């Protein structure tokens, strides 16, 4: 998912591939031109899908939750995890990686923040 610097979230138009880590199939490489300050959200299906919520409903909730993002990547991750897991305990592991694009020069560093949440045992 991408969130523009103006705060509009959308699902990036990318090729579909097998789930990461399954060891089957291949992945197509693409290039996207992103504006400075665009937020990139990568997540596992446990964040958007459960027995009580189909994936389309979960994706729409995530789009809404990401708008507008906090200026802090850590706060954005915490907000998303809190909002997406309020109705029920997670049934699956949840991983969320959020990064913000910055100019690629010697004066800036790329930053990212991750959250990982395991269901109760």
C-alpha atoms as a PDB file:
ATOM      1  CA  UNK A   1       0.000   0.000   0.000  1.00  0.00           C
ATOM      2  CA  UNK A   2       1.093   3.536  -0.692  1.00  0.00           C
ATOM      3  CA  UNK A   3       0.090   6.761   1.020  1.00  0.00           C
ATOM      4  CA  UNK A   4       0.814   9.960  -0.902  1.00  0.00           C
ATOM      5  CA  UNK A   5       2.364  12.955   0.874  1.00  0.00           C
ATOM      6  CA  UNK A   6      -1.148  14.483   0.777  1.00  0.00           C
ATOM      7  CA  UNK A   7      -2.460  11.528   2.822  1.00  0.00           C
ATOM      8  CA  UNK A   8      -4.343   9.532   0.157  1.00  0.00           C
ATOM      9  CA  UNK A   9      -3.903   5.767   0.541  1.00  0.00           C
ATOM     10  CA  UNK A  10      -4.189   3.293  -2.331  1.00  0.00           C
ATOM     11  CA  UNK A  11      -3.125  -0.194  -3.248  1.00  0.00           C
ATOM     12  CA  UNK A  12      -0.188  -0.100  -5.655  1.00  0.00           C
ATOM     13  CA  UNK A  13      -0.854  -1.615  -9.063  1.00  0.00           C
ATOM     14  CA  UNK A  14       1.690  -4.432  -8.941  1.00  0.00           C
ATOM     15  CA  UNK A  15       1.827  -7.951 -10.380  1.00  0.00           C
ATOM     16  CA  UNK A  16       0.433 -10.697  -8.175  1.00  0.00           C
ATOM     17  CA  UNK A  17       2.825 -13.412  -7.060  1.00  0.00           C
ATOM     18  CA  UNK A  18       2.892 -16.314  -4.639  1.00  0.00           C
ATOM     19  CA  UNK A  19       3.131 -15.563  -0.916  1.00  0.00           C
ATOM     20  CA  UNK A  20       6.687 -14.689   0.136  1.00  0.00           C
ATOM     21  CA  UNK A  21       8.489 -17.581   1.750  1.00  0.00           C
ATOM     22  CA  UNK A  22       6.527 -20.396   0.106  1.00  0.00           C
ATOM     23  CA  UNK A  23       9.329 -21.203  -2.310  1.00  0.00           C
ATOM     24  CA  UNK A  24       6.974 -21.613  -5.257  1.00  0.00           C
ATOM     25  CA  UNK A  25       6.758 -19.544  -8.400  1.00  0.00           C
ATOM     26  CA  UNK A  26       8.587 -16.364  -9.278  1.00  0.00           C
ATOM     27  CA  UNK A  27       8.194 -12.657  -8.820  1.00  0.00           C
ATOM     28  CA  UNK A  28       8.079  -9.948 -11.431  1.00  0.00           C
ATOM     29  CA  UNK A  29      10.218  -6.865 -10.853  1.00  0.00           C
ATOM     30  CA  UNK A  30       8.674  -3.443 -11.481  1.00  0.00           C
ATOM     31  CA  UNK A  31       9.656   0.173 -10.927  1.00  0.00           C
ATOM     32  CA  UNK A  32       7.370   2.764  -9.362  1.00  0.00           C
ATOM     33  CA  UNK A  33       8.064   6.469  -9.318  1.00  0.00           C
ATOM     34  CA  UNK A  34       7.125   7.758  -5.870  1.00  0.00           C
ATOM     35  CA  UNK A  35       6.971  11.341  -4.663  1.00  0.00           C
ATOM     36  CA  UNK A  36       9.214  12.398  -1.800  1.00  0.00           C
ATOM     37  CA  UNK A  37       7.384  11.693   1.451  1.00  0.00           C
ATOM     38  CA  UNK A  38       5.304   8.774   0.102  1.00  0.00           C
ATOM     39  CA  UNK A  39       4.612   6.132   2.730  1.00  0.00           C
ATOM     40  CA  UNK A  40       5.068   2.465   1.785  1.00  0.00           C
ATOM     41  CA  UNK A  41       3.242  -0.101   3.933  1.00  0.00           C
ATOM     42  CA  UNK A  42       4.132  -3.799   3.641  1.00  0.00           C
ATOM     43  CA  UNK A  43       2.180  -6.273   5.760  1.00  0.00           C
ATOM     44  CA  UNK A  44       1.289  -9.924   6.200  1.00  0.00           C
ATOM     45  CA  UNK A  45      -2.192 -11.298   5.589  1.00  0.00           C
ATOM     46  CA  UNK A  46      -2.739 -11.652   9.348  1.00  0.00           C
ATOM     47  CA  UNK A  47      -3.216  -7.867   9.508  1.00  0.00           C
ATOM     48  CA  UNK A  48      -6.054  -7.748   6.973  1.00  0.00           C
ATOM     49  CA  UNK A  49      -7.685 -11.197   6.987  1.00  0.00           C
ATOM     50  CA  UNK A  50      -9.357 -13.426   9.589  1.00  0.00           C
ATOM     51  CA  UNK A  51     -12.215 -15.897   9.933  1.00  0.00           C
ATOM     52  CA  UNK A  52     -14.469 -12.951  10.832  1.00  0.00           C
ATOM     53  CA  UNK A  53     -13.267 -10.521   8.152  1.00  0.00           C
ATOM     54  CA  UNK A  54     -12.609 -11.213   4.476  1.00  0.00           C
ATOM     55  CA  UNK A  55      -9.501  -9.794   2.869  1.00  0.00           C
ATOM     56  CA  UNK A  56     -11.325  -7.059   0.900  1.00  0.00           C
ATOM     57  CA  UNK A  57     -12.928  -5.688   4.064  1.00  0.00           C
ATOM     58  CA  UNK A  58      -9.565  -5.829   5.829  1.00  0.00           C
ATOM     59  CA  UNK A  59      -7.797  -4.049   2.969  1.00  0.00           C
ATOM     60  CA  UNK A  60     -10.411  -1.278   3.010  1.00  0.00           C
ATOM     61  CA  UNK A  61      -9.984  -0.918   6.800  1.00  0.00           C
ATOM     62  CA  UNK A  62      -6.223  -0.663   6.352  1.00  0.00           C
ATOM     63  CA  UNK A  63      -6.592   1.984   3.621  1.00  0.00           C
ATOM     64  CA  UNK A  64      -8.799   4.032   5.943  1.00  0.00           C
ATOM     65  CA  UNK A  65      -6.506   3.512   8.951  1.00  0.00           C
ATOM     66  CA  UNK A  66      -3.452   4.739   7.032  1.00  0.00           C
ATOM     67  CA  UNK A  67      -5.113   8.083   6.152  1.00  0.00           C
ATOM     68  CA  UNK A  68      -3.636  10.476   7.131  1.00  0.00           C
ATOM     69  CA  UNK A  69      -0.413   8.959   8.473  1.00  0.00           C
ATOM     70  CA  UNK A  70       1.407  10.362  11.491  1.00  0.00           C
ATOM     71  CA  UNK A  71       4.688  12.145  10.886  1.00  0.00           C
ATOM     72  CA  UNK A  72       6.364   9.446  13.002  1.00  0.00           C
ATOM     73  CA  UNK A  73       6.777   6.005  11.419  1.00  0.00           C
ATOM     74  CA  UNK A  74       6.675   4.390  14.861  1.00  0.00           C
ATOM     75  CA  UNK A  75       3.418   6.180  15.738  1.00  0.00           C
ATOM     76  CA  UNK A  76       1.916   5.169  12.395  1.00  0.00           C
ATOM     77  CA  UNK A  77       2.809   1.494  13.008  1.00  0.00           C
ATOM     78  CA  UNK A  78       1.394   1.582  16.533  1.00  0.00           C
ATOM     79  CA  UNK A  79      -1.813   3.284  15.335  1.00  0.00           C
ATOM     80  CA  UNK A  80      -2.336   0.771  12.504  1.00  0.00           C
ATOM     81  CA  UNK A  81      -1.752  -2.283  14.726  1.00  0.00           C
ATOM     82  CA  UNK A  82      -4.059  -0.890  17.436  1.00  0.00           C
ATOM     83  CA  UNK A  83      -6.873  -0.071  14.993  1.00  0.00           C
ATOM     84  CA  UNK A  84      -6.602  -3.264  12.962  1.00  0.00           C
ATOM     85  CA  UNK A  85      -6.625  -5.576  16.010  1.00  0.00           C
ATOM     86  CA  UNK A  86      -9.326  -3.924  18.156  1.00  0.00           C
ATOM     87  CA  UNK A  87     -12.276  -6.224  17.358  1.00  0.00           C
ATOM     88  CA  UNK A  88     -10.667  -9.549  18.182  1.00  0.00           C
ATOM     89  CA  UNK A  89      -7.379 -11.182  19.082  1.00  0.00           C
ATOM     90  CA  UNK A  90      -5.260 -11.921  16.007  1.00  0.00           C
ATOM     91  CA  UNK A  91      -5.558 -15.474  14.686  1.00  0.00           C
ATOM     92  CA  UNK A  92      -2.325 -15.248  12.702  1.00  0.00           C
ATOM     93  CA  UNK A  93       1.042 -13.558  13.040  1.00  0.00           C
ATOM     94  CA  UNK A  94       0.991  -9.905  12.046  1.00  0.00           C
ATOM     95  CA  UNK A  95       3.979  -8.123  10.554  1.00  0.00           C
ATOM     96  CA  UNK A  96       3.944  -4.510   9.383  1.00  0.00           C
ATOM     97  CA  UNK A  97       6.778  -2.564   7.779  1.00  0.00           C
ATOM     98  CA  UNK A  98       6.327   1.128   7.061  1.00  0.00           C
ATOM     99  CA  UNK A  99       8.889   3.271   5.242  1.00  0.00           C
ATOM    100  CA  UNK A 100       8.823   6.832   3.904  1.00  0.00           C
ATOM    101  CA  UNK A 101      10.592   7.883   0.714  1.00  0.00           C
ATOM    102  CA  UNK A 102      13.272  10.544   0.948  1.00  0.00           C
ATOM    103  CA  UNK A 103      15.681  12.099  -1.534  1.00  0.00           C
ATOM    104  CA  UNK A 104      18.595   9.816  -2.314  1.00  0.00           C
ATOM    105  CA  UNK A 105      21.579  11.998  -1.449  1.00  0.00           C
ATOM    106  CA  UNK A 106      24.381  12.037   1.105  1.00  0.00           C
ATOM    107  CA  UNK A 107      22.480  14.260   3.557  1.00  0.00           C
ATOM    108  CA  UNK A 108      19.520  11.937   4.180  1.00  0.00           C
ATOM    109  CA  UNK A 109      19.175   8.450   5.565  1.00  0.00           C
ATOM    110  CA  UNK A 110      16.400   6.025   4.690  1.00  0.00           C
ATOM    111  CA  UNK A 111      14.320   5.042   7.698  1.00  0.00           C
ATOM    112  CA  UNK A 112      11.793   2.314   8.307  1.00  0.00           C
ATOM    113  CA  UNK A 113       9.887   1.033  11.318  1.00  0.00           C
ATOM    114  CA  UNK A 114       8.503  -2.438  11.858  1.00  0.00           C
ATOM    115  CA  UNK A 115       6.032  -4.021  14.256  1.00  0.00           C
ATOM    116  CA  UNK A 116       5.497  -7.745  14.719  1.00  0.00           C
ATOM    117  CA  UNK A 117       2.606  -9.128  16.712  1.00  0.00           C
ATOM    118  CA  UNK A 118       2.084 -12.793  17.546  1.00  0.00           C
ATOM    119  CA  UNK A 119      -1.291 -14.201  18.495  1.00  0.00           C
ATOM    120  CA  UNK A 120      -1.620 -15.286  22.126  1.00  0.00           C
ATOM    121  CA  UNK A 121      -0.577 -18.876  22.771  1.00  0.00           C
END
